[in-house]
């Protein structure tokens, strides 16, 4: 079957190591759009942090979609919510309390893309993420928020070594009720068990009446593996992790060496 939808991770996949979209990537994606292929950016970023890349690529029509907040939200590029799977207030409080007990930097993202933390001393990487995603940071304790406040995801943010040491404890504490996934070396994300990039991609494909064989997924990290498991064609970046490569049908070039263009030429473009 011809590929009709391509799901693409953003950081270290769509973007080069300098955080830019390569000219070859832009050309390939625009050629695919001209063929009627849907190109869906899939990221831990909220929609506000994805929009600059959508605009650069020319993915602006209301019948195009994004998978945001690590799969917690499926939205049209114009902001219409297609589906959302949130974490309830009780679990939000549990996550915040766990982070405080371990002195771990922690923030949450709400359905409106706001970044919220109970940390008065904000970890530097959380500030960087807020800046990259065009978001402010609200410092709020759970009791300062509505009793029905829900989140799209929670994020433990720390050095790779710190997260390596704490990841098993987070899984043990929350893994039976919530979806815990290492989004990058310095980010450990927690979401609704019905969220995640793979489930979101499956839900979007179902909405669009597309079979897995009509879907290609491209990524570089462990949180992209769930997309790979659904898509008929799974492409890992040359700069990707060993885990991502093990679950891929094809390993393309790196994000600095036209990896997206190579994959599009092989599988998508006429």
C-alpha atoms as a PDB file:
ATOM      1  CA  UNK A   1       0.000   0.000   0.000  1.00  0.00           C
ATOM      2  CA  UNK A   2       1.084   3.573  -0.620  1.00  0.00           C
ATOM      3  CA  UNK A   3       2.052   5.636   2.422  1.00  0.00           C
ATOM      4  CA  UNK A   4      -0.712   8.148   3.158  1.00  0.00           C
ATOM      5  CA  UNK A   5       0.405   9.408   6.572  1.00  0.00           C
ATOM      6  CA  UNK A   6       3.885  10.027   7.934  1.00  0.00           C
ATOM      7  CA  UNK A   7       4.306  10.576  11.674  1.00  0.00           C
ATOM      8  CA  UNK A   8       7.551  12.391  12.506  1.00  0.00           C
ATOM      9  CA  UNK A   9       9.159  13.021  15.876  1.00  0.00           C
ATOM     10  CA  UNK A  10      10.578  16.542  16.198  1.00  0.00           C
ATOM     11  CA  UNK A  11      13.688  16.763  18.374  1.00  0.00           C
ATOM     12  CA  UNK A  12      16.710  14.973  16.861  1.00  0.00           C
ATOM     13  CA  UNK A  13      14.504  13.686  14.025  1.00  0.00           C
ATOM     14  CA  UNK A  14      12.792  16.505  12.140  1.00  0.00           C
ATOM     15  CA  UNK A  15      15.382  18.912  13.536  1.00  0.00           C
ATOM     16  CA  UNK A  16      19.111  18.747  12.988  1.00  0.00           C
ATOM     17  CA  UNK A  17      21.505  18.769  15.926  1.00  0.00           C
ATOM     18  CA  UNK A  18      21.489  22.567  15.660  1.00  0.00           C
ATOM     19  CA  UNK A  19      17.700  22.644  16.017  1.00  0.00           C
ATOM     20  CA  UNK A  20      16.976  23.495  12.371  1.00  0.00           C
ATOM     21  CA  UNK A  21      14.910  21.910   9.596  1.00  0.00           C
ATOM     22  CA  UNK A  22      17.311  20.893   6.833  1.00  0.00           C
ATOM     23  CA  UNK A  23      16.543  22.177   3.301  1.00  0.00           C
ATOM     24  CA  UNK A  24      16.295  18.557   2.111  1.00  0.00           C
ATOM     25  CA  UNK A  25      13.735  17.833   4.821  1.00  0.00           C
ATOM     26  CA  UNK A  26      11.644  20.847   3.846  1.00  0.00           C
ATOM     27  CA  UNK A  27      11.718  19.879   0.158  1.00  0.00           C
ATOM     28  CA  UNK A  28      10.753  16.259   0.846  1.00  0.00           C
ATOM     29  CA  UNK A  29       7.896  17.090   3.198  1.00  0.00           C
ATOM     30  CA  UNK A  30       6.453  19.701   0.859  1.00  0.00           C
ATOM     31  CA  UNK A  31       6.631  17.214  -2.027  1.00  0.00           C
ATOM     32  CA  UNK A  32       4.753  14.662   0.085  1.00  0.00           C
ATOM     33  CA  UNK A  33       2.109  17.225   1.025  1.00  0.00           C
ATOM     34  CA  UNK A  34       1.657  17.992  -2.674  1.00  0.00           C
ATOM     35  CA  UNK A  35       0.950  14.268  -3.211  1.00  0.00           C
ATOM     36  CA  UNK A  36      -1.803  14.437  -0.583  1.00  0.00           C
ATOM     37  CA  UNK A  37       0.196  12.676   2.131  1.00  0.00           C
ATOM     38  CA  UNK A  38      -0.580  13.808   5.661  1.00  0.00           C
ATOM     39  CA  UNK A  39       2.535  14.718   7.643  1.00  0.00           C
ATOM     40  CA  UNK A  40       1.878  14.582  11.374  1.00  0.00           C
ATOM     41  CA  UNK A  41       4.427  16.012  13.787  1.00  0.00           C
ATOM     42  CA  UNK A  42       4.535  13.947  16.985  1.00  0.00           C
ATOM     43  CA  UNK A  43       6.231  15.391  20.015  1.00  0.00           C
ATOM     44  CA  UNK A  44       6.377  15.802  23.734  1.00  0.00           C
ATOM     45  CA  UNK A  45       6.014  19.505  23.015  1.00  0.00           C
ATOM     46  CA  UNK A  46       2.612  21.193  23.343  1.00  0.00           C
ATOM     47  CA  UNK A  47       0.924  22.593  20.240  1.00  0.00           C
ATOM     48  CA  UNK A  48       2.332  26.068  20.917  1.00  0.00           C
ATOM     49  CA  UNK A  49       5.840  24.645  20.708  1.00  0.00           C
ATOM     50  CA  UNK A  50       5.066  22.728  17.498  1.00  0.00           C
ATOM     51  CA  UNK A  51       3.430  25.579  15.566  1.00  0.00           C
ATOM     52  CA  UNK A  52       6.634  27.317  14.387  1.00  0.00           C
ATOM     53  CA  UNK A  53       7.699  24.119  12.623  1.00  0.00           C
ATOM     54  CA  UNK A  54       4.238  23.605  11.121  1.00  0.00           C
ATOM     55  CA  UNK A  55       4.378  27.109   9.687  1.00  0.00           C
ATOM     56  CA  UNK A  56       7.875  26.596   8.303  1.00  0.00           C
ATOM     57  CA  UNK A  57       6.828  23.347   6.624  1.00  0.00           C
ATOM     58  CA  UNK A  58       3.559  24.758   5.285  1.00  0.00           C
ATOM     59  CA  UNK A  59       1.376  22.363   7.306  1.00  0.00           C
ATOM     60  CA  UNK A  60      -1.353  24.865   8.090  1.00  0.00           C
ATOM     61  CA  UNK A  61      -4.643  23.524   6.725  1.00  0.00           C
ATOM     62  CA  UNK A  62      -7.364  22.573   9.239  1.00  0.00           C
ATOM     63  CA  UNK A  63      -7.424  18.982   7.927  1.00  0.00           C
ATOM     64  CA  UNK A  64      -3.846  18.433   9.136  1.00  0.00           C
ATOM     65  CA  UNK A  65      -3.044  17.156  12.619  1.00  0.00           C
ATOM     66  CA  UNK A  66      -0.432  16.981  15.347  1.00  0.00           C
ATOM     67  CA  UNK A  67       0.181  14.559  18.187  1.00  0.00           C
ATOM     68  CA  UNK A  68       1.237  16.743  21.108  1.00  0.00           C
ATOM     69  CA  UNK A  69       2.298  16.321  24.730  1.00  0.00           C
ATOM     70  CA  UNK A  70       3.807  12.920  24.008  1.00  0.00           C
ATOM     71  CA  UNK A  71       0.478  11.564  22.787  1.00  0.00           C
ATOM     72  CA  UNK A  72      -1.704  13.074  25.473  1.00  0.00           C
ATOM     73  CA  UNK A  73      -3.392  15.281  22.893  1.00  0.00           C
ATOM     74  CA  UNK A  74      -4.399  14.861  19.253  1.00  0.00           C
ATOM     75  CA  UNK A  75      -5.250  18.211  17.707  1.00  0.00           C
ATOM     76  CA  UNK A  76      -5.759  19.790  14.337  1.00  0.00           C
ATOM     77  CA  UNK A  77      -3.003  22.242  13.495  1.00  0.00           C
ATOM     78  CA  UNK A  78      -5.559  24.998  14.087  1.00  0.00           C
ATOM     79  CA  UNK A  79      -6.105  23.822  17.669  1.00  0.00           C
ATOM     80  CA  UNK A  80      -9.276  21.761  17.442  1.00  0.00           C
ATOM     81  CA  UNK A  81      -8.998  18.911  19.939  1.00  0.00           C
ATOM     82  CA  UNK A  82      -9.582  15.524  18.333  1.00  0.00           C
ATOM     83  CA  UNK A  83      -8.840  13.453  21.437  1.00  0.00           C
ATOM     84  CA  UNK A  84      -7.220  13.907  24.815  1.00  0.00           C
ATOM     85  CA  UNK A  85      -6.222  11.511  27.548  1.00  0.00           C
ATOM     86  CA  UNK A  86      -5.416  13.353  30.753  1.00  0.00           C
ATOM     87  CA  UNK A  87      -4.073  12.500  34.196  1.00  0.00           C
ATOM     88  CA  UNK A  88      -6.574  13.131  36.984  1.00  0.00           C
ATOM     89  CA  UNK A  89      -6.029  15.403  39.960  1.00  0.00           C
ATOM     90  CA  UNK A  90      -5.319  12.610  42.421  1.00  0.00           C
ATOM     91  CA  UNK A  91      -2.466  11.240  40.313  1.00  0.00           C
ATOM     92  CA  UNK A  92      -1.176  14.748  39.587  1.00  0.00           C
ATOM     93  CA  UNK A  93      -0.867  15.279  43.348  1.00  0.00           C
ATOM     94  CA  UNK A  94       0.813  11.887  43.800  1.00  0.00           C
ATOM     95  CA  UNK A  95       3.389  12.713  41.136  1.00  0.00           C
ATOM     96  CA  UNK A  96       4.125  16.104  42.656  1.00  0.00           C
ATOM     97  CA  UNK A  97       4.512  14.595  46.119  1.00  0.00           C
ATOM     98  CA  UNK A  98       6.823  11.869  44.800  1.00  0.00           C
ATOM     99  CA  UNK A  99       9.036  14.447  43.082  1.00  0.00           C
ATOM    100  CA  UNK A 100       9.250  16.528  46.254  1.00  0.00           C
ATOM    101  CA  UNK A 101      10.098  13.497  48.385  1.00  0.00           C
ATOM    102  CA  UNK A 102      12.994  12.646  46.054  1.00  0.00           C
ATOM    103  CA  UNK A 103      13.988  16.295  45.451  1.00  0.00           C
ATOM    104  CA  UNK A 104      13.521  15.765  41.718  1.00  0.00           C
ATOM    105  CA  UNK A 105      12.767  18.677  39.368  1.00  0.00           C
ATOM    106  CA  UNK A 106       9.239  18.121  38.078  1.00  0.00           C
ATOM    107  CA  UNK A 107       6.777  20.006  35.931  1.00  0.00           C
ATOM    108  CA  UNK A 108       3.441  19.323  34.315  1.00  0.00           C
ATOM    109  CA  UNK A 109       1.802  20.488  31.113  1.00  0.00           C
ATOM    110  CA  UNK A 110      -1.904  21.243  31.171  1.00  0.00           C
ATOM    111  CA  UNK A 111      -4.290  20.788  28.203  1.00  0.00           C
ATOM    112  CA  UNK A 112      -3.797  24.460  27.253  1.00  0.00           C
ATOM    113  CA  UNK A 113      -0.008  24.054  26.944  1.00  0.00           C
ATOM    114  CA  UNK A 114       0.787  25.857  30.203  1.00  0.00           C
ATOM    115  CA  UNK A 115       3.871  24.615  32.058  1.00  0.00           C
ATOM    116  CA  UNK A 116       3.298  24.378  35.809  1.00  0.00           C
ATOM    117  CA  UNK A 117       5.663  23.397  38.602  1.00  0.00           C
ATOM    118  CA  UNK A 118       5.566  23.369  42.375  1.00  0.00           C
ATOM    119  CA  UNK A 119       9.337  23.941  42.446  1.00  0.00           C
ATOM    120  CA  UNK A 120      10.237  27.422  43.672  1.00  0.00           C
ATOM    121  CA  UNK A 121      13.802  26.846  42.526  1.00  0.00           C
ATOM    122  CA  UNK A 122      13.177  26.112  38.842  1.00  0.00           C
ATOM    123  CA  UNK A 123      15.588  23.675  37.218  1.00  0.00           C
ATOM    124  CA  UNK A 124      17.376  25.289  34.284  1.00  0.00           C
ATOM    125  CA  UNK A 125      16.220  22.747  31.704  1.00  0.00           C
ATOM    126  CA  UNK A 126      12.557  23.339  32.567  1.00  0.00           C
ATOM    127  CA  UNK A 127      13.118  27.032  31.814  1.00  0.00           C
ATOM    128  CA  UNK A 128      14.745  26.133  28.492  1.00  0.00           C
ATOM    129  CA  UNK A 129      11.790  23.911  27.589  1.00  0.00           C
ATOM    130  CA  UNK A 130       9.345  26.706  28.397  1.00  0.00           C
ATOM    131  CA  UNK A 131      11.282  29.108  26.179  1.00  0.00           C
ATOM    132  CA  UNK A 132      11.457  26.606  23.299  1.00  0.00           C
ATOM    133  CA  UNK A 133       7.743  25.934  23.531  1.00  0.00           C
ATOM    134  CA  UNK A 134       6.681  29.586  23.681  1.00  0.00           C
ATOM    135  CA  UNK A 135       5.228  28.984  27.148  1.00  0.00           C
ATOM    136  CA  UNK A 136       5.476  30.686  30.480  1.00  0.00           C
ATOM    137  CA  UNK A 137       6.030  28.858  33.748  1.00  0.00           C
ATOM    138  CA  UNK A 138       3.478  29.006  36.527  1.00  0.00           C
ATOM    139  CA  UNK A 139       4.738  28.140  40.018  1.00  0.00           C
ATOM    140  CA  UNK A 140       1.766  26.585  41.793  1.00  0.00           C
ATOM    141  CA  UNK A 141       1.226  24.063  44.546  1.00  0.00           C
ATOM    142  CA  UNK A 142      -1.561  21.542  43.878  1.00  0.00           C
ATOM    143  CA  UNK A 143      -3.748  23.248  46.503  1.00  0.00           C
ATOM    144  CA  UNK A 144      -3.489  26.517  44.554  1.00  0.00           C
ATOM    145  CA  UNK A 145      -5.176  24.923  41.536  1.00  0.00           C
ATOM    146  CA  UNK A 146      -8.798  23.832  41.037  1.00  0.00           C
ATOM    147  CA  UNK A 147      -9.801  20.550  42.659  1.00  0.00           C
ATOM    148  CA  UNK A 148     -10.618  19.124  39.227  1.00  0.00           C
ATOM    149  CA  UNK A 149      -7.330  20.257  37.650  1.00  0.00           C
ATOM    150  CA  UNK A 150      -5.970  17.667  35.200  1.00  0.00           C
ATOM    151  CA  UNK A 151      -2.720  17.450  33.281  1.00  0.00           C
ATOM    152  CA  UNK A 152      -1.680  16.234  29.845  1.00  0.00           C
ATOM    153  CA  UNK A 153       1.602  14.885  31.206  1.00  0.00           C
ATOM    154  CA  UNK A 154       4.098  15.114  34.026  1.00  0.00           C
ATOM    155  CA  UNK A 155       7.832  15.358  33.395  1.00  0.00           C
ATOM    156  CA  UNK A 156      10.743  14.493  35.654  1.00  0.00           C
ATOM    157  CA  UNK A 157      13.670  16.574  34.389  1.00  0.00           C
ATOM    158  CA  UNK A 158      17.213  15.882  35.547  1.00  0.00           C
ATOM    159  CA  UNK A 159      20.615  14.687  34.452  1.00  0.00           C
ATOM    160  CA  UNK A 160      20.720  11.410  32.541  1.00  0.00           C
ATOM    161  CA  UNK A 161      22.504   9.771  35.475  1.00  0.00           C
ATOM    162  CA  UNK A 162      19.862  10.922  37.962  1.00  0.00           C
ATOM    163  CA  UNK A 163      17.028   9.618  35.800  1.00  0.00           C
ATOM    164  CA  UNK A 164      18.865   6.349  35.207  1.00  0.00           C
ATOM    165  CA  UNK A 165      18.932   5.876  38.974  1.00  0.00           C
ATOM    166  CA  UNK A 166      15.309   6.881  39.596  1.00  0.00           C
ATOM    167  CA  UNK A 167      13.475   5.490  36.551  1.00  0.00           C
ATOM    168  CA  UNK A 168      12.811   2.063  38.074  1.00  0.00           C
ATOM    169  CA  UNK A 169      11.366   3.698  41.200  1.00  0.00           C
ATOM    170  CA  UNK A 170       9.018   5.842  39.094  1.00  0.00           C
ATOM    171  CA  UNK A 171       7.925   2.742  37.189  1.00  0.00           C
ATOM    172  CA  UNK A 172       7.296   0.884  40.424  1.00  0.00           C
ATOM    173  CA  UNK A 173       5.323   3.762  41.941  1.00  0.00           C
ATOM    174  CA  UNK A 174       3.227   4.681  38.906  1.00  0.00           C
ATOM    175  CA  UNK A 175       3.710   2.137  36.128  1.00  0.00           C
ATOM    176  CA  UNK A 176       0.635   0.056  36.949  1.00  0.00           C
ATOM    177  CA  UNK A 177      -1.719   3.042  36.735  1.00  0.00           C
ATOM    178  CA  UNK A 178       0.037   5.397  34.310  1.00  0.00           C
ATOM    179  CA  UNK A 179       2.233   5.281  31.204  1.00  0.00           C
ATOM    180  CA  UNK A 180       5.869   5.994  32.113  1.00  0.00           C
ATOM    181  CA  UNK A 181       8.337   6.502  29.269  1.00  0.00           C
ATOM    182  CA  UNK A 182      11.838   7.892  28.837  1.00  0.00           C
ATOM    183  CA  UNK A 183      11.340  10.625  26.244  1.00  0.00           C
ATOM    184  CA  UNK A 184      15.039  11.557  26.150  1.00  0.00           C
ATOM    185  CA  UNK A 185      18.080  11.136  28.335  1.00  0.00           C
ATOM    186  CA  UNK A 186      17.026  14.050  30.563  1.00  0.00           C
ATOM    187  CA  UNK A 187      13.244  13.623  30.411  1.00  0.00           C
ATOM    188  CA  UNK A 188      11.093  10.941  32.034  1.00  0.00           C
ATOM    189  CA  UNK A 189       7.433  11.460  31.139  1.00  0.00           C
ATOM    190  CA  UNK A 190       4.282  10.175  32.813  1.00  0.00           C
ATOM    191  CA  UNK A 191       0.940  10.135  31.000  1.00  0.00           C
ATOM    192  CA  UNK A 192      -2.527   8.649  31.018  1.00  0.00           C
ATOM    193  CA  UNK A 193      -2.276   4.907  30.228  1.00  0.00           C
ATOM    194  CA  UNK A 194      -4.340   5.513  27.081  1.00  0.00           C
ATOM    195  CA  UNK A 195      -1.881   8.155  25.880  1.00  0.00           C
ATOM    196  CA  UNK A 196       1.520   7.801  24.262  1.00  0.00           C
ATOM    197  CA  UNK A 197       2.610   8.410  20.694  1.00  0.00           C
ATOM    198  CA  UNK A 198       1.720   4.899  19.553  1.00  0.00           C
ATOM    199  CA  UNK A 199      -1.834   4.919  20.851  1.00  0.00           C
ATOM    200  CA  UNK A 200      -2.379   8.448  19.561  1.00  0.00           C
ATOM    201  CA  UNK A 201      -1.109   7.477  16.110  1.00  0.00           C
ATOM    202  CA  UNK A 202      -3.385   4.453  16.076  1.00  0.00           C
ATOM    203  CA  UNK A 203      -6.366   6.604  17.118  1.00  0.00           C
ATOM    204  CA  UNK A 204      -5.624   9.212  14.448  1.00  0.00           C
ATOM    205  CA  UNK A 205      -5.177   6.586  11.737  1.00  0.00           C
ATOM    206  CA  UNK A 206      -8.510   5.070  12.732  1.00  0.00           C
ATOM    207  CA  UNK A 207     -10.185   8.475  12.518  1.00  0.00           C
ATOM    208  CA  UNK A 208      -8.749   8.920   9.025  1.00  0.00           C
ATOM    209  CA  UNK A 209      -9.679   5.334   8.005  1.00  0.00           C
ATOM    210  CA  UNK A 210      -6.047   4.417   7.343  1.00  0.00           C
ATOM    211  CA  UNK A 211      -4.549   0.952   7.774  1.00  0.00           C
ATOM    212  CA  UNK A 212      -1.182   0.512   9.499  1.00  0.00           C
ATOM    213  CA  UNK A 213       0.395  -0.349   6.126  1.00  0.00           C
ATOM    214  CA  UNK A 214      -0.517   3.168   4.972  1.00  0.00           C
ATOM    215  CA  UNK A 215       1.375   4.753   7.878  1.00  0.00           C
ATOM    216  CA  UNK A 216       5.090   5.454   8.273  1.00  0.00           C
ATOM    217  CA  UNK A 217       6.643   6.588  11.562  1.00  0.00           C
ATOM    218  CA  UNK A 218      10.065   8.203  11.927  1.00  0.00           C
ATOM    219  CA  UNK A 219      11.819   8.728  15.246  1.00  0.00           C
ATOM    220  CA  UNK A 220      14.967   8.387  17.293  1.00  0.00           C
ATOM    221  CA  UNK A 221      14.059   7.555  20.902  1.00  0.00           C
ATOM    222  CA  UNK A 222      12.426   4.982  23.139  1.00  0.00           C
ATOM    223  CA  UNK A 223       9.162   6.921  23.227  1.00  0.00           C
ATOM    224  CA  UNK A 224       8.927   6.493  19.431  1.00  0.00           C
ATOM    225  CA  UNK A 225       8.953   2.693  19.647  1.00  0.00           C
ATOM    226  CA  UNK A 226       5.205   2.560  20.317  1.00  0.00           C
ATOM    227  CA  UNK A 227       4.675   4.394  16.997  1.00  0.00           C
ATOM    228  CA  UNK A 228       6.992   1.900  15.310  1.00  0.00           C
ATOM    229  CA  UNK A 229       4.954  -0.996  16.687  1.00  0.00           C
ATOM    230  CA  UNK A 230       1.793   0.360  15.041  1.00  0.00           C
ATOM    231  CA  UNK A 231       3.057   1.755  11.754  1.00  0.00           C
ATOM    232  CA  UNK A 232       3.519  -0.540   8.791  1.00  0.00           C
ATOM    233  CA  UNK A 233       6.831   1.176   8.069  1.00  0.00           C
ATOM    234  CA  UNK A 234       9.079   2.176  10.976  1.00  0.00           C
ATOM    235  CA  UNK A 235      12.159   4.310  10.331  1.00  0.00           C
ATOM    236  CA  UNK A 236      14.809   5.038  12.939  1.00  0.00           C
ATOM    237  CA  UNK A 237      17.215   7.905  12.535  1.00  0.00           C
ATOM    238  CA  UNK A 238      20.901   7.103  12.176  1.00  0.00           C
ATOM    239  CA  UNK A 239      21.510   9.171  15.312  1.00  0.00           C
ATOM    240  CA  UNK A 240      18.792   7.280  17.190  1.00  0.00           C
ATOM    241  CA  UNK A 241      19.111   5.036  20.215  1.00  0.00           C
ATOM    242  CA  UNK A 242      19.840   1.340  19.966  1.00  0.00           C
ATOM    243  CA  UNK A 243      16.302   0.661  21.209  1.00  0.00           C
ATOM    244  CA  UNK A 244      14.745   2.680  18.404  1.00  0.00           C
ATOM    245  CA  UNK A 245      16.910   1.012  15.770  1.00  0.00           C
ATOM    246  CA  UNK A 246      16.061  -2.466  17.054  1.00  0.00           C
ATOM    247  CA  UNK A 247      12.349  -1.812  16.455  1.00  0.00           C
ATOM    248  CA  UNK A 248      12.694  -0.209  13.009  1.00  0.00           C
ATOM    249  CA  UNK A 249      12.266  -1.662   9.530  1.00  0.00           C
ATOM    250  CA  UNK A 250      14.868   0.744   8.204  1.00  0.00           C
ATOM    251  CA  UNK A 251      17.629   2.883   9.698  1.00  0.00           C
ATOM    252  CA  UNK A 252      18.062   6.046   7.680  1.00  0.00           C
ATOM    253  CA  UNK A 253      20.841   8.637   7.765  1.00  0.00           C
ATOM    254  CA  UNK A 254      21.264  10.915  10.765  1.00  0.00           C
ATOM    255  CA  UNK A 255      19.348  14.114  11.388  1.00  0.00           C
ATOM    256  CA  UNK A 256      22.379  16.042  10.123  1.00  0.00           C
ATOM    257  CA  UNK A 257      22.781  13.947   6.952  1.00  0.00           C
ATOM    258  CA  UNK A 258      19.400  14.196   5.190  1.00  0.00           C
ATOM    259  CA  UNK A 259      17.859  11.290   7.090  1.00  0.00           C
ATOM    260  CA  UNK A 260      14.269  12.449   6.572  1.00  0.00           C
ATOM    261  CA  UNK A 261      14.813  13.020   2.845  1.00  0.00           C
ATOM    262  CA  UNK A 262      16.341   9.563   2.404  1.00  0.00           C
ATOM    263  CA  UNK A 263      13.356   7.927   4.106  1.00  0.00           C
ATOM    264  CA  UNK A 264      10.826   9.932   2.078  1.00  0.00           C
ATOM    265  CA  UNK A 265      12.596   9.073  -1.166  1.00  0.00           C
ATOM    266  CA  UNK A 266      12.620   5.372  -0.286  1.00  0.00           C
ATOM    267  CA  UNK A 267       9.057   4.995   0.950  1.00  0.00           C
ATOM    268  CA  UNK A 268       6.841   8.006   0.209  1.00  0.00           C
ATOM    269  CA  UNK A 269       7.586  10.059  -2.876  1.00  0.00           C
ATOM    270  CA  UNK A 270       6.428   8.949  -6.324  1.00  0.00           C
END
